[in-house]
Protein backbone atom coordinates (compact mmCIF):
# COMPACT_ATOMS: atom_id res chain seq x y z
CA SER A 1 -38.55 -1.45 1.56
CA GLY A 2 -38.32 -5.25 0.82
CA SER A 3 -40.91 -7.61 -0.41
CA ILE A 4 -43.44 -9.97 1.06
CA ARG A 5 -45.03 -12.32 -1.42
CA PHE A 6 -47.90 -14.74 -0.52
CA GLN A 7 -49.31 -17.15 -3.15
CA GLY A 8 -47.74 -14.97 -5.76
CA ARG A 9 -49.25 -11.73 -4.47
CA GLU A 10 -47.15 -8.73 -3.16
CA LEU A 11 -48.44 -7.89 0.30
CA VAL A 12 -46.17 -4.69 0.84
CA GLY A 13 -48.14 -1.67 0.09
CA LEU A 14 -51.71 -3.25 0.28
CA ASP A 15 -54.26 -1.02 1.81
CA ASP A 16 -56.03 -1.86 5.18
CA ALA A 17 -59.18 -3.23 3.50
CA ASP A 18 -57.15 -5.84 1.39
CA MET A 19 -54.94 -6.76 4.37
CA ARG A 20 -58.00 -7.50 6.41
CA GLU A 21 -59.12 -9.95 3.97
CA ILE A 22 -55.86 -11.88 4.27
CA ARG A 23 -55.19 -11.64 8.04
CA GLY A 24 -56.88 -14.36 9.97
CA SER A 25 -58.51 -15.96 6.93
CA ARG A 26 -55.48 -16.85 4.78
CA ILE A 27 -52.60 -15.94 7.08
CA ALA A 28 -53.19 -16.52 10.82
CA MET A 29 -50.87 -15.83 13.84
CA ILE A 30 -50.19 -17.62 17.19
CA PHE A 31 -48.59 -15.24 19.57
CA GLN A 32 -45.98 -16.10 22.43
CA ASP A 33 -48.19 -15.05 25.38
CA PRO A 34 -51.98 -16.07 25.00
CA MET A 35 -52.78 -14.22 28.24
CA MET A 36 -51.70 -11.06 26.66
CA THR A 37 -53.43 -11.74 23.33
CA LEU A 38 -56.74 -13.12 24.57
CA ASN A 39 -59.19 -10.44 25.88
CA PRO A 40 -59.52 -11.20 29.63
CA VAL A 41 -63.06 -9.72 29.95
CA LEU A 42 -64.65 -11.60 27.11
CA ARG A 43 -65.69 -15.30 27.09
CA ILE A 44 -63.90 -17.60 24.82
CA ASP A 45 -67.10 -18.17 22.68
CA THR A 46 -67.35 -14.49 22.17
CA GLN A 47 -63.74 -14.14 20.90
CA MET A 48 -63.76 -17.17 18.67
CA ILE A 49 -67.22 -16.55 17.12
CA GLU A 50 -66.08 -12.94 16.39
CA ALA A 51 -62.99 -14.29 14.55
CA VAL A 52 -64.94 -16.76 12.51
CA ARG A 53 -67.73 -14.28 11.57
CA ALA A 54 -65.20 -11.61 10.71
CA HIS A 55 -63.96 -13.65 7.71
CA SER A 56 -66.89 -15.91 6.88
CA ARG A 57 -70.54 -15.02 5.97
CA VAL A 58 -72.03 -17.41 8.50
CA SER A 59 -74.55 -17.24 11.25
CA ARG A 60 -73.64 -17.14 14.87
CA ALA A 61 -74.96 -20.87 15.29
CA ALA A 62 -72.67 -21.95 12.57
CA ALA A 63 -69.66 -19.88 13.94
CA TYR A 64 -70.26 -21.54 17.41
CA ALA A 65 -70.31 -24.92 15.71
CA ARG A 66 -67.04 -24.09 14.07
CA SER A 67 -65.49 -22.98 17.36
CA ARG A 68 -66.63 -26.17 19.21
CA GLU A 69 -65.17 -28.37 16.30
CA VAL A 70 -61.60 -26.76 16.41
CA LEU A 71 -61.50 -26.83 20.20
CA LEU A 72 -61.94 -30.50 20.02
CA LYS A 73 -59.28 -30.80 17.45
CA VAL A 74 -56.73 -29.07 19.64
CA GLY A 75 -57.45 -31.52 22.55
CA ILE A 76 -59.81 -29.37 24.68
CA ALA A 77 -62.48 -31.57 26.22
CA SER A 78 -66.02 -30.48 27.06
CA PRO A 79 -65.99 -27.74 24.48
CA ASP A 80 -69.33 -26.32 25.28
CA GLU A 81 -68.32 -25.73 28.95
CA ARG A 82 -64.90 -24.26 27.91
CA LEU A 83 -66.52 -21.92 25.25
CA LYS A 84 -68.42 -20.19 28.23
CA SER A 85 -65.18 -19.81 30.32
CA TYR A 86 -62.96 -16.84 30.62
CA PRO A 87 -59.07 -16.78 29.77
CA HIS A 88 -57.97 -16.66 33.39
CA GLN A 89 -59.87 -19.97 34.06
CA PHE A 90 -57.68 -21.87 31.69
CA SER A 91 -53.91 -23.06 32.36
CA GLY A 92 -51.19 -21.77 30.15
CA GLY A 93 -51.21 -24.73 28.07
CA MET A 94 -55.00 -24.67 27.58
CA ARG A 95 -54.85 -20.90 26.62
CA GLN A 96 -52.28 -21.74 23.91
CA ARG A 97 -54.48 -24.51 22.62
CA VAL A 98 -57.31 -21.88 22.39
CA MET A 99 -54.94 -19.68 20.31
CA ILE A 100 -54.22 -22.46 18.06
CA ALA A 101 -57.89 -23.22 17.72
CA ILE A 102 -58.54 -19.59 16.84
CA ALA A 103 -55.84 -19.59 14.26
CA LEU A 104 -57.21 -22.80 12.55
CA ALA A 105 -60.87 -21.63 12.71
CA CYS A 106 -60.91 -19.95 9.42
CA GLU A 107 -58.80 -22.60 7.67
CA PRO A 108 -55.85 -20.43 6.71
CA LYS A 109 -53.14 -21.41 4.21
CA LEU A 110 -50.31 -20.24 6.43
CA ILE A 111 -49.95 -20.01 10.18
CA LEU A 112 -47.13 -17.96 11.83
CA ALA A 113 -46.25 -19.05 15.25
CA ASP A 114 -44.02 -16.74 17.37
CA GLU A 115 -42.42 -18.83 20.05
CA PRO A 116 -45.76 -20.19 21.32
CA THR A 117 -44.52 -22.77 23.66
CA THR A 118 -41.61 -20.75 25.54
CA ALA A 119 -43.56 -20.14 28.62
CA LEU A 120 -44.80 -23.77 28.81
CA ASP A 121 -43.22 -26.77 30.65
CA VAL A 122 -41.50 -29.41 28.53
CA THR A 123 -44.48 -31.94 28.63
CA ILE A 124 -47.06 -29.51 27.63
CA GLN A 125 -44.69 -28.12 24.94
CA ALA A 126 -44.30 -31.43 23.48
CA GLN A 127 -48.18 -31.87 23.52
CA ILE A 128 -48.65 -28.49 21.70
CA LEU A 129 -45.98 -29.21 19.12
CA TYR A 130 -47.41 -32.47 18.26
CA GLU A 131 -50.91 -31.14 18.03
CA ALA A 132 -49.96 -28.14 15.85
CA GLN A 133 -47.87 -30.32 13.54
CA THR A 134 -50.69 -33.00 13.15
CA LEU A 135 -53.46 -30.36 12.46
CA CYS A 136 -51.39 -28.55 9.87
CA ARG A 137 -50.65 -31.70 7.98
CA GLU A 138 -54.20 -32.78 8.19
CA THR A 139 -55.45 -29.38 6.80
CA GLY A 140 -52.71 -28.65 4.42
CA THR A 141 -51.70 -25.62 6.34
CA ALA A 142 -48.25 -24.24 6.08
CA LEU A 143 -46.61 -23.52 9.52
CA VAL A 144 -43.73 -21.02 10.16
CA TRP A 145 -42.52 -21.67 13.66
CA ILE A 146 -40.17 -18.77 15.07
CA THR A 147 -38.11 -20.12 17.82
CA HIS A 148 -34.60 -20.12 19.50
CA ASP A 149 -34.95 -23.71 20.58
CA LEU A 150 -32.93 -26.00 18.42
CA THR A 151 -34.55 -29.09 19.88
CA VAL A 152 -37.97 -27.91 18.78
CA VAL A 153 -36.71 -27.23 15.48
CA ALA A 154 -35.16 -30.69 15.08
CA GLY A 155 -38.45 -32.31 15.94
CA LEU A 156 -40.83 -29.96 14.02
CA ALA A 157 -39.28 -28.50 10.90
CA ASP A 158 -38.91 -29.60 7.43
CA ARG A 159 -36.79 -26.76 6.42
CA ILE A 160 -34.84 -24.05 8.52
CA CYS A 161 -34.06 -20.41 7.92
CA VAL A 162 -31.47 -19.11 10.54
CA MET A 163 -31.73 -15.42 11.24
CA TYR A 164 -29.10 -13.14 12.78
CA ALA A 165 -29.37 -9.47 13.27
CA GLY A 166 -32.40 -9.28 11.15
CA ARG A 167 -30.96 -11.16 8.14
CA ASP A 168 -31.31 -14.66 7.01
CA VAL A 169 -27.78 -16.15 7.17
CA GLU A 170 -28.57 -19.87 6.25
CA GLN A 171 -31.41 -21.91 4.77
CA GLY A 172 -31.78 -25.57 4.02
CA ASP A 173 -33.42 -28.81 4.84
CA VAL A 174 -33.61 -29.53 8.72
CA ASP A 175 -31.12 -32.46 8.55
CA ASP A 176 -28.57 -30.82 6.37
CA VAL A 177 -28.51 -27.59 8.45
CA LEU A 178 -28.28 -29.34 11.89
CA ASP A 179 -25.79 -32.00 10.68
CA TYR A 180 -23.70 -29.82 8.29
CA PRO A 181 -24.11 -26.20 9.40
CA LEU A 182 -22.46 -23.71 6.94
CA HIS A 183 -22.61 -20.29 8.55
CA PRO A 184 -20.28 -19.74 11.68
CA TYR A 185 -23.39 -18.44 13.61
CA THR A 186 -25.29 -21.72 12.91
CA TYR A 187 -22.20 -23.74 13.82
CA GLY A 188 -21.94 -21.99 17.11
CA LEU A 189 -25.60 -22.28 17.96
CA ILE A 190 -25.43 -26.09 17.51
CA GLY A 191 -22.28 -26.33 19.40
CA SER A 192 -23.70 -24.52 22.40
CA VAL A 193 -26.45 -27.24 22.91
CA PRO A 194 -25.60 -30.25 25.16
CA SER A 195 -25.44 -33.38 23.05
CA ARG A 196 -24.74 -37.02 23.88
CA ASN A 197 -22.64 -37.22 20.82
CA ARG A 198 -20.17 -34.81 22.65
CA ARG A 199 -20.34 -36.20 25.96
CA GLY A 200 -17.63 -35.00 28.36
CA GLN A 201 -16.45 -32.25 25.71
CA PRO A 202 -16.87 -28.59 26.72
CA LEU A 203 -19.76 -26.68 25.18
CA ARG A 204 -18.81 -24.20 22.54
CA GLN A 205 -19.54 -20.44 23.25
CA ILE A 206 -20.19 -17.64 20.88
CA PRO A 207 -18.04 -14.66 22.07
CA GLY A 208 -19.31 -11.17 22.22
CA MET A 209 -22.92 -9.64 22.00
CA THR A 210 -25.46 -9.35 19.35
CA PRO A 211 -24.97 -5.97 17.63
CA SER A 212 -27.69 -3.27 17.94
CA LEU A 213 -29.97 -3.19 14.95
CA LEU A 214 -29.90 0.67 15.21
CA ASP A 215 -26.09 0.60 14.59
CA LEU A 216 -25.06 -2.40 12.59
CA PRO A 217 -21.46 -2.77 11.61
CA PRO A 218 -20.65 -2.68 7.73
CA GLY A 219 -20.41 -5.84 6.03
CA CYS A 220 -21.26 -9.18 7.86
CA ALA A 221 -23.09 -8.55 11.24
CA PHE A 222 -21.46 -11.58 12.62
CA ARG A 223 -17.96 -10.48 11.87
CA ALA A 224 -16.83 -9.31 15.28
CA ARG A 225 -17.88 -12.52 16.90
CA CYS A 226 -16.63 -14.80 14.21
CA ASP A 227 -13.30 -16.85 14.37
CA ARG A 228 -13.26 -17.21 10.60
CA ALA A 229 -13.54 -13.52 9.79
CA THR A 230 -11.19 -11.82 7.39
CA ASP A 231 -10.87 -8.40 5.87
CA GLU A 232 -13.21 -9.73 3.08
CA CYS A 233 -15.97 -9.71 5.66
CA HIS A 234 -16.13 -6.04 5.88
CA ARG A 235 -18.17 -6.33 2.65
CA GLU A 236 -21.81 -7.41 2.62
CA PRO A 237 -21.68 -11.19 1.94
CA PRO A 238 -23.92 -12.36 -0.79
CA VAL A 239 -26.29 -15.37 -0.64
CA MET A 240 -24.24 -18.30 -1.84
CA LYS A 241 -25.76 -21.52 -2.98
CA HIS A 242 -24.20 -24.77 -1.80
CA GLY A 243 -25.90 -27.35 -3.79
CA GLY A 244 -29.58 -28.56 -3.66
CA ASN A 245 -31.61 -26.36 -1.34
CA ARG A 246 -28.65 -25.09 0.75
CA GLN A 247 -27.66 -21.43 0.80
CA ALA A 248 -25.63 -19.34 3.44
CA ARG A 249 -24.70 -15.66 3.61
CA CYS A 250 -21.01 -16.22 4.29
CA PHE A 251 -17.55 -15.83 2.66
CA HIS A 252 -15.95 -18.57 4.79
CA PRO A 253 -18.64 -21.21 5.48
CA HIS A 254 -18.02 -24.32 7.42
CA THR A 255 -17.70 -27.66 5.49
CA GLY A 256 -16.88 -30.32 8.08
CA GLY A 257 -20.24 -30.84 9.90
CA SER A 258 -21.57 -29.82 13.32
CA GLN A 259 -18.86 -31.70 15.38
């Protein structure tokens, strides 16, 4: 059930042939662990050329040239040498750059990135974030970055959608959500992150555990962990508008900011 719309087209229910036309060419994906995604027994050029030719009617030489071009764009020097390498010959950061290059190779309109920097150290993470953001702006590609790291969100996002137990609980522009969270879950997340603005104060902690998606409670899924919950929260909260681009799925939203 549900609906997935892309550029005005409903994707739910499309057959395999139609989805193949969209995957990779118009919607691309960057996965969390490139070592599990890249084929360990194939050279990088084989994997990149295959991706390009699967969605474009070009020669192998043209696909190679495109692969070389995008490797340079993501900061991989000596692309001709690197294209002849295998995934195990790259560091974690370099493998993730290859994944970004593959995603960009067919010039998609949308890239979905599933926590692609989680396994990387902070320095490499910052480089990958900067390169992904810069390249998407240069090409006009929309980027959906799935993450649990609020520091990444603060530096990367224009707009935030906060998810809890499989549902969107709050949406808004990045500064609005981080400075003035509405949903108690968002408020708790921000309060659990160390901040120089709260130096010397104890970090807030969200009590309890995330519910099982196989046995969600009736009403608001966050109710059992929320200090603002009332009997009203046994009902499914509707999406409520809060001016401009703000919305939250909560009967008792916060209104006083993240402090």
